[in-house]
PDB file of N, CA and C in Angstrom:
ATOM      1  N   UNK A   1       5.237 -11.056  -6.595  1.00  0.00           N
ATOM      2  CA  UNK A   1       5.044 -10.342  -5.251  1.00  0.00           C
ATOM      3  C   UNK A   1       4.476 -11.398  -4.156  1.00  0.00           C
ATOM      4  N   UNK A   2       5.306 -11.535  -3.186  1.00  0.00           N
ATOM      5  CA  UNK A   2       4.873 -12.558  -2.390  1.00  0.00           C
ATOM      6  C   UNK A   2       3.575 -12.191  -1.204  1.00  0.00           C
ATOM      7  N   UNK A   3       3.535 -10.805  -1.049  1.00  0.00           N
ATOM      8  CA  UNK A   3       2.407 -10.367  -0.262  1.00  0.00           C
ATOM      9  C   UNK A   3       0.986 -10.807  -1.040  1.00  0.00           C
ATOM     10  N   UNK A   4       0.990 -11.311  -2.452  1.00  0.00           N
ATOM     11  CA  UNK A   4      -0.028 -11.156  -3.043  1.00  0.00           C
ATOM     12  C   UNK A   4      -0.750 -12.973  -3.128  1.00  0.00           C
ATOM     13  N   UNK A   5       0.682 -13.513  -2.513  1.00  0.00           N
ATOM     14  CA  UNK A   5       0.328 -15.100  -2.584  1.00  0.00           C
ATOM     15  C   UNK A   5      -0.554 -15.197  -1.125  1.00  0.00           C
ATOM     16  N   UNK A   6      -0.125 -14.357  -0.113  1.00  0.00           N
ATOM     17  CA  UNK A   6      -1.011 -14.253   0.795  1.00  0.00           C
ATOM     18  C   UNK A   6      -2.306 -14.012   1.190  1.00  0.00           C
ATOM     19  N   UNK A   7      -2.497 -12.944   0.031  1.00  0.00           N
ATOM     20  CA  UNK A   7      -3.715 -12.433   0.147  1.00  0.00           C
ATOM     21  C   UNK A   7      -4.980 -13.105  -0.041  1.00  0.00           C
ATOM     22  N   UNK A   8      -6.152 -12.925   0.971  1.00  0.00           N
ATOM     23  CA  UNK A   8      -7.151 -13.657   0.717  1.00  0.00           C
ATOM     24  C   UNK A   8      -8.582 -13.236   1.315  1.00  0.00           C
ATOM     25  N   UNK A   9      -8.302 -11.712   1.672  1.00  0.00           N
ATOM     26  CA  UNK A   9      -9.447 -11.352   2.550  1.00  0.00           C
ATOM     27  C   UNK A   9      -9.411  -9.543   2.052  1.00  0.00           C
ATOM     28  N   UNK A  10     -10.720  -9.502   1.255  1.00  0.00           N
ATOM     29  CA  UNK A  10     -10.867  -8.423   0.436  1.00  0.00           C
ATOM     30  C   UNK A  10     -11.019  -7.118   1.447  1.00  0.00           C
ATOM     31  N   UNK A  11     -11.031  -7.317   2.829  1.00  0.00           N
ATOM     32  CA  UNK A  11     -10.753  -6.096   3.548  1.00  0.00           C
ATOM     33  C   UNK A  11      -9.305  -5.533   3.731  1.00  0.00           C
ATOM     34  N   UNK A  12      -8.437  -6.263   2.998  1.00  0.00           N
ATOM     35  CA  UNK A  12      -6.991  -5.975   3.444  1.00  0.00           C
ATOM     36  C   UNK A  12      -6.750  -5.138   2.047  1.00  0.00           C
ATOM     37  N   UNK A  13      -7.714  -5.071   1.150  1.00  0.00           N
ATOM     38  CA  UNK A  13      -7.407  -4.371   0.167  1.00  0.00           C
ATOM     39  C   UNK A  13      -8.130  -3.001   0.029  1.00  0.00           C
ATOM     40  N   UNK A  14      -7.218  -1.733   0.309  1.00  0.00           N
ATOM     41  CA  UNK A  14      -7.535  -0.848   0.588  1.00  0.00           C
ATOM     42  C   UNK A  14      -7.466   0.454  -0.725  1.00  0.00           C
ATOM     43  N   UNK A  15      -8.126   1.743  -0.795  1.00  0.00           N
ATOM     44  CA  UNK A  15      -7.726   2.689  -1.749  1.00  0.00           C
ATOM     45  C   UNK A  15      -7.133   3.690  -1.019  1.00  0.00           C
ATOM     46  N   UNK A  16      -5.798   4.200  -1.217  1.00  0.00           N
ATOM     47  CA  UNK A  16      -5.280   5.300  -0.554  1.00  0.00           C
ATOM     48  C   UNK A  16      -5.128   6.329  -1.400  1.00  0.00           C
ATOM     49  N   UNK A  17      -5.302   7.743  -0.872  1.00  0.00           N
ATOM     50  CA  UNK A  17      -5.052   8.878  -1.309  1.00  0.00           C
ATOM     51  C   UNK A  17      -3.934   9.371  -0.294  1.00  0.00           C
ATOM     52  N   UNK A  18      -2.538   9.763  -0.738  1.00  0.00           N
ATOM     53  CA  UNK A  18      -1.810  10.692   0.538  1.00  0.00           C
ATOM     54  C   UNK A  18      -0.588  11.102  -0.163  1.00  0.00           C
ATOM     55  N   UNK A  19       0.400  12.062   0.406  1.00  0.00           N
ATOM     56  CA  UNK A  19       1.159  12.621   0.018  1.00  0.00           C
ATOM     57  C   UNK A  19       2.607  12.024   0.579  1.00  0.00           C
ATOM     58  N   UNK A  20       3.718  11.885  -0.383  1.00  0.00           N
ATOM     59  CA  UNK A  20       4.695  11.013   0.104  1.00  0.00           C
ATOM     60  C   UNK A  20       5.436  12.263   0.658  1.00  0.00           C
ATOM     61  N   UNK A  21       5.747  11.998   2.030  1.00  0.00           N
ATOM     62  CA  UNK A  21       6.612  13.182   2.930  1.00  0.00           C
ATOM     63  C   UNK A  21       8.291  12.692   2.906  1.00  0.00           C
ATOM     64  N   UNK A  22       8.570  11.366   2.746  1.00  0.00           N
ATOM     65  CA  UNK A  22       9.681  10.855   3.098  1.00  0.00           C
ATOM     66  C   UNK A  22      10.020   9.697   2.463  1.00  0.00           C
ATOM     67  N   UNK A  23      11.414   9.373   1.645  1.00  0.00           N
ATOM     68  CA  UNK A  23      11.795   8.129   1.091  1.00  0.00           C
ATOM     69  C   UNK A  23      13.075   7.854   2.299  1.00  0.00           C
ATOM     70  N   UNK A  24      12.420   6.584   2.844  1.00  0.00           N
ATOM     71  CA  UNK A  24      13.326   5.718   3.922  1.00  0.00           C
ATOM     72  C   UNK A  24      14.206   4.642   3.305  1.00  0.00           C
ATOM     73  N   UNK A  25      13.929   4.676   2.219  1.00  0.00           N
ATOM     74  CA  UNK A  25      15.198   3.260   1.699  1.00  0.00           C
ATOM     75  C   UNK A  25      14.225   2.456   1.158  1.00  0.00           C
ATOM     76  N   UNK A  26      13.905   1.446   1.678  1.00  0.00           N
ATOM     77  CA  UNK A  26      12.793   0.608   1.709  1.00  0.00           C
ATOM     78  C   UNK A  26      11.250   0.637   1.528  1.00  0.00           C
ATOM     79  N   UNK A  27      11.306   1.656   1.773  1.00  0.00           N
ATOM     80  CA  UNK A  27       9.813   2.445   2.193  1.00  0.00           C
ATOM     81  C   UNK A  27       9.883   3.706   1.826  1.00  0.00           C
ATOM     82  N   UNK A  28       8.354   4.071   1.858  1.00  0.00           N
ATOM     83  CA  UNK A  28       7.976   5.445   2.174  1.00  0.00           C
ATOM     84  C   UNK A  28       7.196   5.967   3.239  1.00  0.00           C
ATOM     85  N   UNK A  29       7.351   7.394   3.693  1.00  0.00           N
ATOM     86  CA  UNK A  29       6.448   7.446   4.945  1.00  0.00           C
ATOM     87  C   UNK A  29       5.425   8.555   3.890  1.00  0.00           C
ATOM     88  N   UNK A  30       3.912   8.387   4.180  1.00  0.00           N
ATOM     89  CA  UNK A  30       3.056   9.443   3.621  1.00  0.00           C
ATOM     90  C   UNK A  30       2.555   9.869   4.673  1.00  0.00           C
ATOM     91  N   UNK A  31       1.451  10.863   4.107  1.00  0.00           N
ATOM     92  CA  UNK A  31       0.381  11.314   5.206  1.00  0.00           C
ATOM     93  C   UNK A  31      -0.878  11.688   4.115  1.00  0.00           C
ATOM     94  N   UNK A  32      -1.991  11.368   4.747  1.00  0.00           N
ATOM     95  CA  UNK A  32      -3.161  11.652   3.964  1.00  0.00           C
ATOM     96  C   UNK A  32      -3.731  13.202   4.431  1.00  0.00           C
ATOM     97  N   UNK A  33      -4.839  13.836   3.889  1.00  0.00           N
ATOM     98  CA  UNK A  33      -5.607  14.925   4.083  1.00  0.00           C
ATOM     99  C   UNK A  33      -6.156  15.256   5.297  1.00  0.00           C
ATOM    100  N   UNK A  34      -6.257  13.864   6.038  1.00  0.00           N
ATOM    101  CA  UNK A  34      -7.059  13.988   7.328  1.00  0.00           C
ATOM    102  C   UNK A  34      -6.066  13.578   8.411  1.00  0.00           C
ATOM    103  N   UNK A  35      -4.749  13.600   8.027  1.00  0.00           N
ATOM    104  CA  UNK A  35      -3.464  13.473   8.925  1.00  0.00           C
ATOM    105  C   UNK A  35      -3.211  12.097   9.559  1.00  0.00           C
ATOM    106  N   UNK A  36      -3.698  11.067   8.693  1.00  0.00           N
ATOM    107  CA  UNK A  36      -3.325   9.822   9.109  1.00  0.00           C
ATOM    108  C   UNK A  36      -1.942   9.303   8.349  1.00  0.00           C
ATOM    109  N   UNK A  37      -1.096   8.784   8.916  1.00  0.00           N
ATOM    110  CA  UNK A  37       0.556   8.374   8.648  1.00  0.00           C
ATOM    111  C   UNK A  37       0.376   6.900   8.133  1.00  0.00           C
ATOM    112  N   UNK A  38       1.043   7.002   7.007  1.00  0.00           N
ATOM    113  CA  UNK A  38       1.366   5.288   6.249  1.00  0.00           C
ATOM    114  C   UNK A  38       2.650   5.074   6.071  1.00  0.00           C
ATOM    115  N   UNK A  39       2.758   3.820   5.896  1.00  0.00           N
ATOM    116  CA  UNK A  39       4.143   3.138   5.599  1.00  0.00           C
ATOM    117  C   UNK A  39       4.019   2.579   4.475  1.00  0.00           C
ATOM    118  N   UNK A  40       4.486   2.860   3.322  1.00  0.00           N
ATOM    119  CA  UNK A  40       4.232   2.627   2.221  1.00  0.00           C
ATOM    120  C   UNK A  40       5.448   1.802   1.328  1.00  0.00           C
ATOM    121  N   UNK A  41       5.503   0.260   1.406  1.00  0.00           N
ATOM    122  CA  UNK A  41       6.695  -0.155   0.867  1.00  0.00           C
ATOM    123  C   UNK A  41       6.881   0.064  -0.713  1.00  0.00           C
ATOM    124  N   UNK A  42       8.066  -0.158  -1.154  1.00  0.00           N
ATOM    125  CA  UNK A  42       8.513   0.004  -2.778  1.00  0.00           C
ATOM    126  C   UNK A  42       8.045  -1.032  -3.191  1.00  0.00           C
ATOM    127  N   UNK A  43       7.429  -1.018  -4.421  1.00  0.00           N
ATOM    128  CA  UNK A  43       7.048  -1.950  -5.157  1.00  0.00           C
ATOM    129  C   UNK A  43       7.614  -1.249  -6.562  1.00  0.00           C
ATOM    130  N   UNK A  44       6.891  -2.185  -7.623  1.00  0.00           N
ATOM    131  CA  UNK A  44       6.576  -2.054  -8.768  1.00  0.00           C
ATOM    132  C   UNK A  44       5.757  -0.663  -9.112  1.00  0.00           C
ATOM    133  N   UNK A  45       4.599  -0.652  -8.548  1.00  0.00           N
ATOM    134  CA  UNK A  45       3.363   0.386  -8.296  1.00  0.00           C
ATOM    135  C   UNK A  45       4.371   1.790  -8.199  1.00  0.00           C
ATOM    136  N   UNK A  46       5.209   1.854  -7.482  1.00  0.00           N
ATOM    137  CA  UNK A  46       5.689   2.767  -6.780  1.00  0.00           C
ATOM    138  C   UNK A  46       7.113   3.502  -7.245  1.00  0.00           C
ATOM    139  N   UNK A  47       7.345   2.916  -8.183  1.00  0.00           N
ATOM    140  CA  UNK A  47       8.609   3.381  -8.829  1.00  0.00           C
ATOM    141  C   UNK A  47       8.784   4.981  -9.243  1.00  0.00           C
ATOM    142  N   UNK A  48       7.560   5.585  -9.439  1.00  0.00           N
ATOM    143  CA  UNK A  48       7.805   6.686  -9.920  1.00  0.00           C
ATOM    144  C   UNK A  48       7.455   7.808  -8.895  1.00  0.00           C
ATOM    145  N   UNK A  49       7.237   7.237  -7.521  1.00  0.00           N
ATOM    146  CA  UNK A  49       6.951   7.821  -6.242  1.00  0.00           C
ATOM    147  C   UNK A  49       8.030   8.675  -5.738  1.00  0.00           C
ATOM    148  N   UNK A  50       8.416  10.206  -5.366  1.00  0.00           N
ATOM    149  CA  UNK A  50       9.215  10.740  -4.817  1.00  0.00           C
ATOM    150  C   UNK A  50       8.689  11.657  -3.656  1.00  0.00           C
ATOM    151  N   UNK A  51       9.171  12.340  -2.701  1.00  0.00           N
ATOM    152  CA  UNK A  51       8.887  13.414  -1.960  1.00  0.00           C
ATOM    153  C   UNK A  51       8.077  14.175  -2.679  1.00  0.00           C
ATOM    154  N   UNK A  52       6.910  14.165  -2.210  1.00  0.00           N
ATOM    155  CA  UNK A  52       5.937  15.481  -2.641  1.00  0.00           C
ATOM    156  C   UNK A  52       5.042  14.667  -3.517  1.00  0.00           C
ATOM    157  N   UNK A  53       5.010  13.780  -3.993  1.00  0.00           N
ATOM    158  CA  UNK A  53       3.998  12.860  -4.918  1.00  0.00           C
ATOM    159  C   UNK A  53       2.729  12.876  -4.306  1.00  0.00           C
ATOM    160  N   UNK A  54       1.927  13.281  -4.990  1.00  0.00           N
ATOM    161  CA  UNK A  54       0.308  12.993  -4.509  1.00  0.00           C
ATOM    162  C   UNK A  54      -0.288  11.857  -5.523  1.00  0.00           C
ATOM    163  N   UNK A  55      -0.797  11.051  -4.650  1.00  0.00           N
ATOM    164  CA  UNK A  55      -1.186  10.057  -5.783  1.00  0.00           C
ATOM    165  C   UNK A  55      -2.210   9.126  -4.853  1.00  0.00           C
ATOM    166  N   UNK A  56      -2.761   8.679  -5.784  1.00  0.00           N
ATOM    167  CA  UNK A  56      -4.205   7.560  -5.318  1.00  0.00           C
ATOM    168  C   UNK A  56      -3.903   6.097  -5.734  1.00  0.00           C
ATOM    169  N   UNK A  57      -3.997   5.256  -5.045  1.00  0.00           N
ATOM    170  CA  UNK A  57      -3.543   3.817  -5.308  1.00  0.00           C
ATOM    171  C   UNK A  57      -4.122   2.938  -4.725  1.00  0.00           C
ATOM    172  N   UNK A  58      -4.300   1.634  -5.017  1.00  0.00           N
ATOM    173  CA  UNK A  58      -4.683   0.655  -4.191  1.00  0.00           C
ATOM    174  C   UNK A  58      -3.313  -0.454  -3.113  1.00  0.00           C
ATOM    175  N   UNK A  59      -3.861  -0.652  -2.233  1.00  0.00           N
ATOM    176  CA  UNK A  59      -2.440  -1.312  -1.515  1.00  0.00           C
ATOM    177  C   UNK A  59      -3.348  -2.376  -0.777  1.00  0.00           C
ATOM    178  N   UNK A  60      -2.314  -3.493  -0.420  1.00  0.00           N
ATOM    179  CA  UNK A  60      -2.463  -4.492   0.458  1.00  0.00           C
ATOM    180  C   UNK A  60      -2.395  -3.958   1.571  1.00  0.00           C
ATOM    181  N   UNK A  61      -3.075  -4.189   3.007  1.00  0.00           N
ATOM    182  CA  UNK A  61      -2.677  -3.753   4.397  1.00  0.00           C
ATOM    183  C   UNK A  61      -2.003  -4.932   4.872  1.00  0.00           C
ATOM    184  N   UNK A  62      -1.004  -4.711   5.706  1.00  0.00           N
ATOM    185  CA  UNK A  62      -0.310  -5.834   6.471  1.00  0.00           C
ATOM    186  C   UNK A  62      -0.075  -5.439   7.973  1.00  0.00           C
ATOM    187  N   UNK A  63      -0.472  -6.085   8.730  1.00  0.00           N
ATOM    188  CA  UNK A  63      -0.591  -5.472  10.095  1.00  0.00           C
ATOM    189  C   UNK A  63       0.836  -6.501  10.468  1.00  0.00           C
ATOM    190  N   UNK A  64       2.247  -5.574  10.991  1.00  0.00           N
ATOM    191  CA  UNK A  64       3.271  -6.007  11.514  1.00  0.00           C
ATOM    192  C   UNK A  64       3.209  -5.875  13.049  1.00  0.00           C
ATOM    193  N   UNK A  65       4.171  -6.655  13.655  1.00  0.00           N
ATOM    194  CA  UNK A  65       4.431  -6.517  15.037  1.00  0.00           C
ATOM    195  C   UNK A  65       3.455  -7.108  15.935  1.00  0.00           C
ATOM    196  N   UNK A  66       4.138  -7.468  17.052  1.00  0.00           N
ATOM    197  CA  UNK A  66       3.422  -8.261  18.028  1.00  0.00           C
ATOM    198  C   UNK A  66       2.980  -7.358  19.288  1.00  0.00           C
ATOM    199  N   UNK A  67       3.420  -6.444  19.843  1.00  0.00           N
ATOM    200  CA  UNK A  67       3.111  -5.568  20.872  1.00  0.00           C
ATOM    201  C   UNK A  67       2.825  -4.138  20.280  1.00  0.00           C
ATOM    202  N   UNK A  68       3.586  -3.426  19.361  1.00  0.00           N
ATOM    203  CA  UNK A  68       3.248  -2.257  18.698  1.00  0.00           C
ATOM    204  C   UNK A  68       2.938  -2.485  17.159  1.00  0.00           C
ATOM    205  N   UNK A  69       1.590  -2.576  17.007  1.00  0.00           N
ATOM    206  CA  UNK A  69       1.116  -3.060  15.559  1.00  0.00           C
ATOM    207  C   UNK A  69       1.525  -1.861  14.659  1.00  0.00           C
ATOM    208  N   UNK A  70       1.753  -1.957  13.568  1.00  0.00           N
ATOM    209  CA  UNK A  70       2.012  -1.282  12.551  1.00  0.00           C
ATOM    210  C   UNK A  70       1.373  -1.899  11.421  1.00  0.00           C
ATOM    211  N   UNK A  71       0.479  -0.527  10.788  1.00  0.00           N
ATOM    212  CA  UNK A  71      -0.107  -1.175   9.510  1.00  0.00           C
ATOM    213  C   UNK A  71       0.926  -0.692   8.191  1.00  0.00           C
ATOM    214  N   UNK A  72       1.285  -1.822   7.486  1.00  0.00           N
ATOM    215  CA  UNK A  72       2.258  -1.234   6.089  1.00  0.00           C
ATOM    216  C   UNK A  72       1.825  -1.689   4.977  1.00  0.00           C
ATOM    217  N   UNK A  73       1.733  -0.725   4.123  1.00  0.00           N
ATOM    218  CA  UNK A  73       0.889  -0.862   2.945  1.00  0.00           C
ATOM    219  C   UNK A  73       1.787  -1.212   1.522  1.00  0.00           C
ATOM    220  N   UNK A  74       1.214  -2.031   0.844  1.00  0.00           N
ATOM    221  CA  UNK A  74       2.195  -3.006  -0.374  1.00  0.00           C
ATOM    222  C   UNK A  74       1.094  -2.207  -1.606  1.00  0.00           C
ATOM    223  N   UNK A  75       1.480  -1.044  -2.144  1.00  0.00           N
ATOM    224  CA  UNK A  75       0.827  -0.978  -3.346  1.00  0.00           C
ATOM    225  C   UNK A  75       0.645  -1.909  -4.381  1.00  0.00           C
ATOM    226  N   UNK A  76      -0.054  -1.956  -5.082  1.00  0.00           N
ATOM    227  CA  UNK A  76      -0.115  -2.791  -6.521  1.00  0.00           C
ATOM    228  C   UNK A  76      -0.617  -2.189  -7.648  1.00  0.00           C
ATOM    229  N   UNK A  77      -0.234  -2.816  -8.657  1.00  0.00           N
ATOM    230  CA  UNK A  77      -0.259  -2.280 -10.154  1.00  0.00           C
ATOM    231  C   UNK A  77      -2.031  -2.376 -10.478  1.00  0.00           C
ATOM    232  N   UNK A  78      -2.372  -1.919 -11.369  1.00  0.00           N
ATOM    233  CA  UNK A  78      -3.605  -1.894 -11.664  1.00  0.00           C
ATOM    234  C   UNK A  78      -4.318  -3.578 -12.401  1.00  0.00           C
ATOM    235  N   UNK A  79      -2.850  -3.970 -13.265  1.00  0.00           N
ATOM    236  CA  UNK A  79      -2.981  -5.117 -13.555  1.00  0.00           C
ATOM    237  C   UNK A  79      -3.408  -6.067 -12.237  1.00  0.00           C
ATOM    238  N   UNK A  80      -2.560  -6.286 -11.265  1.00  0.00           N
ATOM    239  CA  UNK A  80      -2.688  -6.934 -10.053  1.00  0.00           C
ATOM    240  C   UNK A  80      -3.797  -6.858  -9.302  1.00  0.00           C
ATOM    241  N   UNK A  81      -4.461  -5.715  -9.535  1.00  0.00           N
ATOM    242  CA  UNK A  81      -5.902  -5.167  -8.587  1.00  0.00           C
ATOM    243  C   UNK A  81      -6.982  -6.126  -9.622  1.00  0.00           C
ATOM    244  N   UNK A  82      -6.822  -5.757 -10.865  1.00  0.00           N
ATOM    245  CA  UNK A  82      -7.732  -6.322 -11.497  1.00  0.00           C
ATOM    246  C   UNK A  82      -7.930  -7.846 -11.671  1.00  0.00           C
ATOM    247  N   UNK A  83      -6.642  -8.891 -11.123  1.00  0.00           N
ATOM    248  CA  UNK A  83      -6.294 -10.056 -11.242  1.00  0.00           C
ATOM    249  C   UNK A  83      -7.239 -10.287  -9.592  1.00  0.00           C
ATOM    250  N   UNK A  84      -6.816  -9.705  -8.616  1.00  0.00           N
ATOM    251  CA  UNK A  84      -7.308 -10.098  -7.408  1.00  0.00           C
ATOM    252  C   UNK A  84      -8.845  -9.723  -7.149  1.00  0.00           C
ATOM    253  N   UNK A  85      -9.390  -8.830  -8.065  1.00  0.00           N
ATOM    254  CA  UNK A  85     -11.006  -8.488  -7.989  1.00  0.00           C
ATOM    255  C   UNK A  85     -11.421  -9.863  -8.791  1.00  0.00           C
ATOM    256  N   UNK A  86     -10.833 -10.191  -9.772  1.00  0.00           N
ATOM    257  CA  UNK A  86     -11.442 -11.503 -10.403  1.00  0.00           C
ATOM    258  C   UNK A  86     -11.475 -12.522  -9.587  1.00  0.00           C
ATOM    259  N   UNK A  87     -10.584 -12.972  -8.965  1.00  0.00           N
ATOM    260  CA  UNK A  87     -10.222 -14.099  -8.050  1.00  0.00           C
ATOM    261  C   UNK A  87     -10.936 -14.045  -6.966  1.00  0.00           C
ATOM    262  N   UNK A  88     -11.309 -12.913  -6.143  1.00  0.00           N
ATOM    263  CA  UNK A  88     -12.252 -12.723  -5.311  1.00  0.00           C
ATOM    264  C   UNK A  88     -13.514 -12.628  -5.617  1.00  0.00           C
ATOM    265  N   UNK A  89     -13.859 -12.631  -7.033  1.00  0.00           N
ATOM    266  CA  UNK A  89     -15.213 -12.596  -7.277  1.00  0.00           C
ATOM    267  C   UNK A  89     -15.769 -10.974  -7.056  1.00  0.00           C
ATOM    268  N   UNK A  90     -15.257 -10.008  -7.064  1.00  0.00           N
ATOM    269  CA  UNK A  90     -15.642  -8.717  -6.555  1.00  0.00           C
ATOM    270  C   UNK A  90     -16.304  -8.361  -7.886  1.00  0.00           C
TER     271      UNK A  90
END
């Protein structure tokens, strides 16, 4: 996964719990219980997601856009998460 190669800041590693509201082709749209909306990219970790899925997962946050900033989240598997923790010494 190319996002993992660029990852070097532990602040961009977040734990998310949300409900998937919409499948948009290459990504999902989700909403948490506080009303925050998420754009979640499809990865190996999201292959079981579908509309209505309520799940908790670790993801890497990426900010896209020059003027209109959007936060895009790339979910990671448990093995990837453990590897990142080991490399960062968390």
